[in-house]
Amino acid sequence: MRTITATLSVTLDGVVQGLGRPDEDTRGGFTHGGWGGQYHDRVMSQEMGRSMARPTDMLFGRRTWEDFIGAWAGRTDGNPFTTYMNAATKYVVSRNLKDVDAWQNSILLSGEAVETVAGLKAGAGKDLSVIGSVSLVRSLHAAGLIDRYQLLIHPLTLGSGTRLFEGPAPLTEFELTGSVPTTTGVIIARYARR
């Protein structure tokens, strides 16, 4: 059986929307896009590199997969993260996509997310990692399918935006397995399901 690790950047008030660019995700009139850029540092790069050291397959919701195509697909910049992203097998959970030919090594998982991912998780293969894809993460969390979280907790509040958990999340206990502070005040916290 595979494990699933979700990696998300989050503000102190739980916002996960629009970390990277001002135009990344403006749903709901969100105007704070790009809030995470000022917090990137060498420590964060090293820790994210450490997370990528063990090869995993990736799991995406449709919106995040489409956004990542623009950022990573076809790049040849020598960045280890680019190499990792393009080489990984990418499972894309979607009811609307017809094909996933736009990015190499992508496989479409049609149907209901919880059912298709549960089947994938139960099979043999590399562990699975989810970056972003908060709607998918919420569904998988509610079904008890998320085994680990890697949260990059940023030292700011935004007051609006999509939050990691909107409304009540099912009671689930996690234990802290490690944490690393960055030079910019971000805490990289790793949790495993008890």
Protein backbone atom coordinates (compact mmCIF):
# COMPACT_ATOMS: atom_id res chain seq x y z
CA MET A 1 0.00 0.00 0.00
CA ARG A 2 1.19 3.49 -0.86
CA THR A 3 1.21 6.47 1.48
CA ILE A 4 -0.06 9.93 0.54
CA THR A 5 1.74 13.09 1.67
CA ALA A 6 0.16 16.51 1.11
CA THR A 7 2.47 19.54 0.92
CA LEU A 8 0.79 22.92 1.30
CA SER A 9 1.88 26.47 1.98
CA VAL A 10 -0.48 28.09 4.45
CA THR A 11 -0.82 31.42 6.26
CA LEU A 12 -1.40 31.70 10.00
CA ASP A 13 -5.12 32.17 9.30
CA GLY A 14 -5.23 29.04 7.14
CA VAL A 15 -5.23 30.55 3.63
CA VAL A 16 -3.75 28.33 0.92
CA GLN A 17 -4.89 30.28 -2.15
CA GLY A 18 -2.59 32.02 -4.63
CA LEU A 19 0.83 31.49 -3.06
CA GLY A 20 2.97 31.99 -6.14
CA ARG A 21 1.72 34.73 -8.45
CA PRO A 22 -0.73 37.63 -8.35
CA ASP A 23 -2.81 35.97 -11.11
CA GLU A 24 -2.43 32.38 -9.88
CA ASP A 25 -5.91 32.01 -8.40
CA THR A 26 -8.26 34.98 -8.26
CA ARG A 27 -11.44 33.00 -7.56
CA GLY A 28 -13.82 34.75 -5.20
CA GLY A 29 -12.15 38.12 -5.92
CA PHE A 30 -8.94 37.07 -4.15
CA THR A 31 -6.44 39.95 -4.46
CA HIS A 32 -3.51 38.72 -2.34
CA GLY A 33 -1.94 36.39 -4.92
CA GLY A 34 1.81 35.99 -4.74
CA TRP A 35 1.94 36.26 -0.94
CA GLY A 36 4.55 33.51 -0.56
CA GLY A 37 7.40 34.82 -2.73
CA GLN A 38 9.00 37.06 -0.14
CA TYR A 39 9.42 34.11 2.25
CA HIS A 40 11.48 31.84 0.02
CA ASP A 41 15.02 31.24 1.25
CA ARG A 42 17.91 28.76 1.11
CA VAL A 43 16.55 26.72 4.03
CA MET A 44 13.20 26.26 2.31
CA SER A 45 14.95 25.21 -0.92
CA GLN A 46 17.07 22.68 0.97
CA GLU A 47 14.08 21.23 2.82
CA MET A 48 11.97 20.93 -0.32
CA GLY A 49 14.96 19.31 -2.04
CA ARG A 50 15.20 16.87 0.85
CA SER A 51 11.53 16.02 0.37
CA MET A 52 12.18 15.27 -3.29
CA ALA A 53 15.18 13.06 -2.56
CA ARG A 54 12.94 10.02 -2.28
CA PRO A 55 11.18 9.51 -5.61
CA THR A 56 7.38 9.54 -5.44
CA ASP A 57 4.55 9.63 -7.89
CA MET A 58 2.52 12.82 -7.84
CA LEU A 59 -1.19 13.34 -7.41
CA PHE A 60 -2.94 16.46 -8.73
CA GLY A 61 -6.36 17.99 -8.98
CA ARG A 62 -7.15 19.39 -12.41
CA ARG A 63 -6.67 23.11 -11.61
CA THR A 64 -3.26 22.64 -9.98
CA TRP A 65 -2.07 20.29 -12.74
CA GLU A 66 -3.06 22.84 -15.41
CA ASP A 67 -1.31 25.63 -13.50
CA PHE A 68 1.84 23.55 -13.04
CA ILE A 69 2.01 22.83 -16.79
CA GLY A 70 2.73 26.51 -17.39
CA ALA A 71 5.35 26.60 -14.67
CA TRP A 72 7.19 23.32 -15.22
CA ALA A 73 6.31 21.41 -18.39
CA GLY A 74 8.94 21.63 -21.10
CA ARG A 75 11.41 23.65 -19.02
CA THR A 76 15.05 22.68 -19.37
CA ASP A 77 16.65 25.05 -16.87
CA GLY A 78 18.68 22.47 -14.93
CA ASN A 79 16.71 23.20 -11.75
CA PRO A 80 16.41 19.93 -9.76
CA PHE A 81 12.76 20.68 -9.01
CA THR A 82 12.04 21.05 -12.75
CA THR A 83 13.75 17.73 -13.44
CA TYR A 84 11.80 16.06 -10.64
CA MET A 85 8.44 17.46 -11.76
CA ASN A 86 8.88 16.50 -15.40
CA ALA A 87 10.21 12.98 -14.67
CA ALA A 88 7.62 12.02 -12.05
CA THR A 89 4.51 10.05 -12.90
CA LYS A 90 1.66 12.52 -12.45
CA TYR A 91 -1.82 11.19 -11.66
CA VAL A 92 -4.48 13.79 -12.43
CA VAL A 93 -7.88 13.42 -10.76
CA SER A 94 -10.59 15.01 -12.89
CA ARG A 95 -14.18 14.56 -14.02
CA ASN A 96 -13.73 17.14 -16.82
CA LEU A 97 -10.40 16.51 -18.54
CA LYS A 98 -10.47 14.43 -21.70
CA ASP A 99 -6.74 13.74 -21.87
CA VAL A 100 -3.52 14.67 -20.11
CA ASP A 101 -1.20 14.76 -23.10
CA ALA A 102 -0.12 18.35 -22.33
CA TRP A 103 2.48 17.17 -19.77
CA GLN A 104 4.70 14.14 -20.07
CA ASN A 105 4.20 11.18 -17.72
CA SER A 106 0.66 12.26 -16.79
CA ILE A 107 -2.10 9.71 -16.24
CA LEU A 108 -5.78 10.63 -16.03
CA LEU A 109 -7.82 9.29 -13.11
CA SER A 110 -11.44 9.75 -14.19
CA GLY A 111 -14.40 9.47 -11.88
CA GLU A 112 -14.87 10.23 -8.22
CA ALA A 113 -11.65 11.35 -6.53
CA VAL A 114 -11.97 9.33 -3.32
CA GLU A 115 -12.74 6.07 -5.12
CA THR A 116 -10.04 6.37 -7.79
CA VAL A 117 -7.35 7.53 -5.35
CA ALA A 118 -8.26 4.84 -2.81
CA GLY A 119 -7.78 2.24 -5.54
CA LEU A 120 -4.46 3.77 -6.56
CA LYS A 121 -3.28 3.94 -2.94
CA ALA A 122 -4.19 0.30 -2.30
CA GLY A 123 -2.06 -0.88 -5.21
CA ALA A 124 1.67 -1.36 -5.56
CA GLY A 125 3.95 1.48 -6.54
CA LYS A 126 5.77 4.52 -5.25
CA ASP A 127 4.30 6.62 -2.49
CA LEU A 128 2.19 9.57 -3.63
CA SER A 129 2.73 13.27 -3.01
CA VAL A 130 0.22 16.07 -3.46
CA ILE A 131 1.39 19.68 -3.86
CA GLY A 132 -1.43 22.17 -3.45
CA SER A 133 -4.68 20.80 -4.91
CA VAL A 134 -6.56 21.84 -1.78
CA SER A 135 -9.99 20.62 -2.96
CA LEU A 136 -8.51 17.19 -3.61
CA VAL A 137 -6.68 17.24 -0.27
CA ARG A 138 -9.91 18.06 1.59
CA SER A 139 -11.74 15.15 -0.06
CA LEU A 140 -8.92 12.72 0.60
CA HIS A 141 -8.55 13.93 4.21
CA ALA A 142 -12.28 13.45 4.86
CA ALA A 143 -11.97 9.88 3.54
CA GLY A 144 -8.96 9.15 5.77
CA LEU A 145 -6.56 8.80 2.83
CA ILE A 146 -3.95 11.46 3.76
CA ASP A 147 -1.13 9.86 5.76
CA ARG A 148 1.21 12.83 6.15
CA TYR A 149 1.19 16.59 5.89
CA GLN A 150 4.13 18.84 5.17
CA LEU A 151 2.93 22.35 5.97
CA LEU A 152 4.93 25.47 5.19
CA ILE A 153 3.38 27.81 7.75
CA HIS A 154 3.98 31.42 6.72
CA PRO A 155 4.07 34.23 9.31
CA LEU A 156 1.25 36.38 7.97
CA THR A 157 -2.53 36.60 7.91
CA LEU A 158 -4.52 37.58 4.84
CA GLY A 159 -8.06 37.76 6.20
CA SER A 160 -9.60 36.31 3.05
CA GLY A 161 -9.05 33.49 0.61
CA THR A 162 -9.54 29.77 0.39
CA ARG A 163 -8.53 28.05 3.60
CA LEU A 164 -7.07 24.59 4.04
CA PHE A 165 -10.24 23.42 5.78
CA GLU A 166 -13.45 25.31 5.09
CA GLY A 167 -15.91 24.31 7.78
CA PRO A 168 -15.39 21.33 10.05
CA ALA A 169 -12.82 18.69 9.19
CA PRO A 170 -13.29 15.18 10.57
CA LEU A 171 -11.51 14.46 13.83
CA THR A 172 -8.08 13.16 12.89
CA GLU A 173 -4.98 13.16 15.05
CA PHE A 174 -1.48 13.70 13.70
CA GLU A 175 1.87 13.70 15.43
CA LEU A 176 4.65 16.14 14.70
CA THR A 177 7.54 14.20 13.17
CA GLY A 178 9.81 17.15 12.47
CA SER A 179 9.98 20.90 12.04
CA VAL A 180 12.44 23.34 10.58
CA PRO A 181 12.34 27.13 10.87
CA THR A 182 13.51 29.14 7.88
CA THR A 183 15.39 32.45 8.02
CA THR A 184 12.21 34.26 6.96
CA GLY A 185 10.01 32.92 9.75
CA VAL A 186 8.31 30.09 7.86
CA ILE A 187 7.95 26.89 9.89
CA ILE A 188 8.14 23.72 7.83
CA ALA A 189 6.17 21.25 9.93
CA ARG A 190 5.83 17.56 9.14
CA TYR A 191 2.97 15.54 10.57
CA ALA A 192 2.05 11.85 10.34
CA ARG A 193 -1.37 10.35 11.04
CA ARG A 194 -1.50 8.62 14.45
